[in-house]
PDB file of N, CA and C in Angstrom:
ATOM      1  N   MET A   1       1.143  -1.162   0.088  1.00  0.00           N
ATOM      2  CA  MET A   1       0.344   0.316  -0.141  1.00  0.00           C
ATOM      3  C   MET A   1       0.786   1.117  -0.123  1.00  0.00           C
ATOM      4  N   GLY A   2       1.053   1.884  -0.782  1.00  0.00           N
ATOM      5  CA  GLY A   2       1.129   3.336  -1.225  1.00  0.00           C
ATOM      6  C   GLY A   2       1.353   4.281  -0.202  1.00  0.00           C
ATOM      7  N   HIS A   3       1.825   4.978  -0.115  1.00  0.00           N
ATOM      8  CA  HIS A   3       1.404   6.345   0.606  1.00  0.00           C
ATOM      9  C   HIS A   3       0.266   7.971   0.060  1.00  0.00           C
ATOM     10  N   THR A   4      -0.301   7.835   0.903  1.00  0.00           N
ATOM     11  CA  THR A   4      -1.571   8.851   0.125  1.00  0.00           C
ATOM     12  C   THR A   4      -0.466  10.248  -0.277  1.00  0.00           C
ATOM     13  N   ARG A   5      -1.720  11.000  -0.750  1.00  0.00           N
ATOM     14  CA  ARG A   5      -1.076  12.344  -0.963  1.00  0.00           C
ATOM     15  C   ARG A   5      -1.266  13.447   0.477  1.00  0.00           C
ATOM     16  N   ALA A   6      -1.754  12.700   0.678  1.00  0.00           N
ATOM     17  CA  ALA A   6      -2.537  14.068   2.075  1.00  0.00           C
ATOM     18  C   ALA A   6      -1.594  12.924   3.381  1.00  0.00           C
ATOM     19  N   GLY A   7      -0.435  12.874   3.238  1.00  0.00           N
ATOM     20  CA  GLY A   7       0.011  11.538   4.440  1.00  0.00           C
ATOM     21  C   GLY A   7       1.721  11.613   4.067  1.00  0.00           C
ATOM     22  N   GLN A   8       1.818  12.099   3.057  1.00  0.00           N
ATOM     23  CA  GLN A   8       3.435  12.949   2.617  1.00  0.00           C
ATOM     24  C   GLN A   8       3.166  14.094   2.857  1.00  0.00           C
ATOM     25  N   ASP A   9       2.074  14.971   2.365  1.00  0.00           N
ATOM     26  CA  ASP A   9       1.624  16.520   3.016  1.00  0.00           C
ATOM     27  C   ASP A   9       2.890  16.784   4.545  1.00  0.00           C
ATOM     28  N   ALA A  10       1.678  15.648   5.334  1.00  0.00           N
ATOM     29  CA  ALA A  10       1.310  15.626   6.426  1.00  0.00           C
ATOM     30  C   ALA A  10       3.170  15.246   7.588  1.00  0.00           C
ATOM     31  N   TRP A  11       3.792  14.166   6.415  1.00  0.00           N
ATOM     32  CA  TRP A  11       5.204  14.147   6.838  1.00  0.00           C
ATOM     33  C   TRP A  11       5.827  15.243   6.712  1.00  0.00           C
ATOM     34  N   HIS A  12       5.813  16.154   5.540  1.00  0.00           N
ATOM     35  CA  HIS A  12       6.378  17.280   5.185  1.00  0.00           C
ATOM     36  C   HIS A  12       6.241  18.533   6.147  1.00  0.00           C
ATOM     37  N   ALA A  13       5.265  18.456   6.186  1.00  0.00           N
ATOM     38  CA  ALA A  13       4.871  19.955   7.355  1.00  0.00           C
ATOM     39  C   ALA A  13       5.458  19.498   8.661  1.00  0.00           C
ATOM     40  N   ASP A  14       5.164  18.310   9.110  1.00  0.00           N
ATOM     41  CA  ASP A  14       6.129  17.710  10.436  1.00  0.00           C
ATOM     42  C   ASP A  14       7.743  18.147  10.306  1.00  0.00           C
ATOM     43  N   GLU A  15       8.697  17.666   9.193  1.00  0.00           N
ATOM     44  CA  GLU A  15       9.837  17.628   8.613  1.00  0.00           C
ATOM     45  C   GLU A  15      10.077  19.438   8.560  1.00  0.00           C
ATOM     46  N   LEU A  16       9.658  19.910   8.519  1.00  0.00           N
ATOM     47  CA  LEU A  16       9.473  21.735   8.261  1.00  0.00           C
ATOM     48  C   LEU A  16       9.921  21.956   9.269  1.00  0.00           C
ATOM     49  N   GLU A  17       8.675  21.849   9.825  1.00  0.00           N
ATOM     50  CA  GLU A  17       8.229  22.242  11.633  1.00  0.00           C
ATOM     51  C   GLU A  17       9.352  21.699  12.531  1.00  0.00           C
ATOM     52  N   SER A  18      10.343  20.838  12.348  1.00  0.00           N
ATOM     53  CA  SER A  18      11.443  20.674  13.451  1.00  0.00           C
ATOM     54  C   SER A  18      12.194  20.987  12.739  1.00  0.00           C
ATOM     55  N   ARG A  19      12.380  21.675  11.601  1.00  0.00           N
ATOM     56  CA  ARG A  19      13.956  22.532  10.754  1.00  0.00           C
ATOM     57  C   ARG A  19      13.190  24.123  11.479  1.00  0.00           C
ATOM     58  N   ARG A  20      12.427  24.153  11.288  1.00  0.00           N
ATOM     59  CA  ARG A  20      11.859  25.725  11.947  1.00  0.00           C
ATOM     60  C   ARG A  20      12.288  25.281  13.661  1.00  0.00           C
ATOM     61  N   LEU A  21      12.113  24.288  14.560  1.00  0.00           N
ATOM     62  CA  LEU A  21      11.697  24.367  15.261  1.00  0.00           C
ATOM     63  C   LEU A  21      13.699  24.360  15.844  1.00  0.00           C
ATOM     64  N   GLN A  22      14.119  23.483  15.299  1.00  0.00           N
ATOM     65  CA  GLN A  22      15.252  23.286  15.508  1.00  0.00           C
ATOM     66  C   GLN A  22      16.402  24.645  15.028  1.00  0.00           C
ATOM     67  N   ALA A  23      16.318  25.544  14.011  1.00  0.00           N
ATOM     68  CA  ALA A  23      16.257  26.745  13.685  1.00  0.00           C
ATOM     69  C   ALA A  23      16.249  27.902  14.859  1.00  0.00           C
ATOM     70  N   ALA A  24      15.226  27.488  15.339  1.00  0.00           N
ATOM     71  CA  ALA A  24      14.941  29.330  16.736  1.00  0.00           C
ATOM     72  C   ALA A  24      15.302  28.573  17.526  1.00  0.00           C
ATOM     73  N   ALA A  25      15.394  27.274  17.912  1.00  0.00           N
ATOM     74  CA  ALA A  25      16.641  26.657  19.195  1.00  0.00           C
ATOM     75  C   ALA A  25      17.739  27.066  19.091  1.00  0.00           C
ATOM     76  N   ALA A  26      18.766  26.885  18.150  1.00  0.00           N
ATOM     77  CA  ALA A  26      19.799  27.082  17.904  1.00  0.00           C
ATOM     78  C   ALA A  26      20.270  28.732  17.836  1.00  0.00           C
ATOM     79  N   GLY A  27      19.398  29.772  17.761  1.00  0.00           N
ATOM     80  CA  GLY A  27      19.903  31.023  17.571  1.00  0.00           C
ATOM     81  C   GLY A  27      19.017  31.719  19.438  1.00  0.00           C
ATOM     82  N   ALA A  28      18.690  30.384  19.675  1.00  0.00           N
ATOM     83  CA  ALA A  28      17.277  31.234  20.848  1.00  0.00           C
ATOM     84  C   ALA A  28      18.536  31.972  21.587  1.00  0.00           C
ATOM     85  N   PHE A  29      20.007  31.172  22.164  1.00  0.00           N
ATOM     86  CA  PHE A  29      20.459  31.338  22.609  1.00  0.00           C
ATOM     87  C   PHE A  29      22.390  32.230  22.548  1.00  0.00           C
ATOM     88  N   VAL A  30      22.057  32.687  21.352  1.00  0.00           N
ATOM     89  CA  VAL A  30      23.124  33.455  20.808  1.00  0.00           C
ATOM     90  C   VAL A  30      23.061  34.867  20.994  1.00  0.00           C
ATOM     91  N   GLU A  31      24.535  34.954  21.971  1.00  0.00           N
ATOM     92  CA  GLU A  31      25.355  36.307  23.042  1.00  0.00           C
ATOM     93  C   GLU A  31      24.834  37.383  21.488  1.00  0.00           C
ATOM     94  N   ARG A  32      24.944  38.742  22.322  1.00  0.00           N
ATOM     95  CA  ARG A  32      24.518  39.574  21.032  1.00  0.00           C
ATOM     96  C   ARG A  32      25.822  39.674  21.051  1.00  0.00           C
ATOM     97  N   PRO A  33      26.409  40.947  19.564  1.00  0.00           N
ATOM     98  CA  PRO A  33      27.850  41.462  19.668  1.00  0.00           C
ATOM     99  C   PRO A  33      27.974  41.841  20.892  1.00  0.00           C
ATOM    100  N   GLY A  34      28.566  42.623  21.525  1.00  0.00           N
ATOM    101  CA  GLY A  34      28.974  43.322  22.148  1.00  0.00           C
ATOM    102  C   GLY A  34      28.589  43.209  23.765  1.00  0.00           C
ATOM    103  N   ALA A  35      27.759  42.179  23.904  1.00  0.00           N
ATOM    104  CA  ALA A  35      27.112  42.213  24.985  1.00  0.00           C
ATOM    105  C   ALA A  35      28.637  41.689  26.295  1.00  0.00           C
ATOM    106  N   ASP A  36      28.575  42.409  27.679  1.00  0.00           N
ATOM    107  CA  ASP A  36      28.987  42.305  28.746  1.00  0.00           C
ATOM    108  C   ASP A  36      28.384  40.582  29.385  1.00  0.00           C
ATOM    109  N   THR A  37      29.826  40.179  29.663  1.00  0.00           N
ATOM    110  CA  THR A  37      29.526  38.694  30.256  1.00  0.00           C
ATOM    111  C   THR A  37      30.168  39.327  31.526  1.00  0.00           C
ATOM    112  N   THR A  38      29.970  39.587  32.310  1.00  0.00           N
ATOM    113  CA  THR A  38      30.259  40.167  33.328  1.00  0.00           C
ATOM    114  C   THR A  38      29.416  39.892  34.087  1.00  0.00           C
ATOM    115  N   LEU A  39      29.265  38.814  35.611  1.00  0.00           N
ATOM    116  CA  LEU A  39      28.346  38.233  36.208  1.00  0.00           C
ATOM    117  C   LEU A  39      28.311  39.585  37.283  1.00  0.00           C
ATOM    118  N   VAL A  40      26.892  40.212  37.450  1.00  0.00           N
ATOM    119  CA  VAL A  40      26.626  40.787  38.498  1.00  0.00           C
ATOM    120  C   VAL A  40      25.552  40.956  39.198  1.00  0.00           C
ATOM    121  N   PRO A  41      25.573  40.512  40.703  1.00  0.00           N
ATOM    122  CA  PRO A  41      24.552  40.542  41.389  1.00  0.00           C
ATOM    123  C   PRO A  41      23.263  41.424  40.978  1.00  0.00           C
ATOM    124  N   CYS A  42      21.473  40.195  41.339  1.00  0.00           N
ATOM    125  CA  CYS A  42      20.696  41.541  41.036  1.00  0.00           C
ATOM    126  C   CYS A  42      19.825  42.330  41.912  1.00  0.00           C
ATOM    127  N   PRO A  43      19.626  43.486  41.376  1.00  0.00           N
ATOM    128  CA  PRO A  43      19.151  43.827  42.977  1.00  0.00           C
ATOM    129  C   PRO A  43      18.414  43.333  44.156  1.00  0.00           C
ATOM    130  N   PRO A  44      18.256  43.623  45.117  1.00  0.00           N
ATOM    131  CA  PRO A  44      17.239  42.834  46.130  1.00  0.00           C
ATOM    132  C   PRO A  44      15.695  43.309  45.276  1.00  0.00           C
ATOM    133  N   LEU A  45      14.818  42.221  46.063  1.00  0.00           N
ATOM    134  CA  LEU A  45      13.075  42.063  44.972  1.00  0.00           C
ATOM    135  C   LEU A  45      12.775  43.219  45.559  1.00  0.00           C
ATOM    136  N   GLY A  46      11.613  44.084  44.494  1.00  0.00           N
ATOM    137  CA  GLY A  46      10.575  45.415  44.536  1.00  0.00           C
ATOM    138  C   GLY A  46      11.549  46.217  45.228  1.00  0.00           C
ATOM    139  N   SER A  47      12.850  46.386  44.357  1.00  0.00           N
ATOM    140  CA  SER A  47      13.556  47.509  45.318  1.00  0.00           C
ATOM    141  C   SER A  47      14.346  48.780  43.274  1.00  0.00           C
ATOM    142  N   ILE A  48      13.485  47.573  42.815  1.00  0.00           N
ATOM    143  CA  ILE A  48      13.025  48.690  41.212  1.00  0.00           C
ATOM    144  C   ILE A  48      11.642  49.338  40.651  1.00  0.00           C
ATOM    145  N   ALA A  49      11.818  50.941  40.782  1.00  0.00           N
ATOM    146  CA  ALA A  49      11.023  51.526  40.890  1.00  0.00           C
ATOM    147  C   ALA A  49      10.187  52.015  38.823  1.00  0.00           C
ATOM    148  N   TYR A  50       9.389  51.391  38.440  1.00  0.00           N
ATOM    149  CA  TYR A  50       8.626  51.443  37.431  1.00  0.00           C
ATOM    150  C   TYR A  50       8.004  52.636  37.244  1.00  0.00           C
ATOM    151  N   PRO A  51       8.199  53.346  35.911  1.00  0.00           N
ATOM    152  CA  PRO A  51       7.717  54.682  36.046  1.00  0.00           C
ATOM    153  C   PRO A  51       5.718  54.124  35.694  1.00  0.00           C
ATOM    154  N   GLY A  52       5.197  55.389  36.867  1.00  0.00           N
ATOM    155  CA  GLY A  52       3.652  54.333  37.206  1.00  0.00           C
ATOM    156  C   GLY A  52       3.024  55.628  35.801  1.00  0.00           C
TER     157      GLY A  52
END
């Protein structure tokens, strides 16, 4: 029994989605050029005042 067109289309869509997710994951944690890599402590919780 051969593959149906719908089955082939579904497989192709799954393959494209998988590649898209892999590309997104690969680019998700790339450092921005010029980003500082020095670790600094976070300010205390609630100490940052946001303009309201």
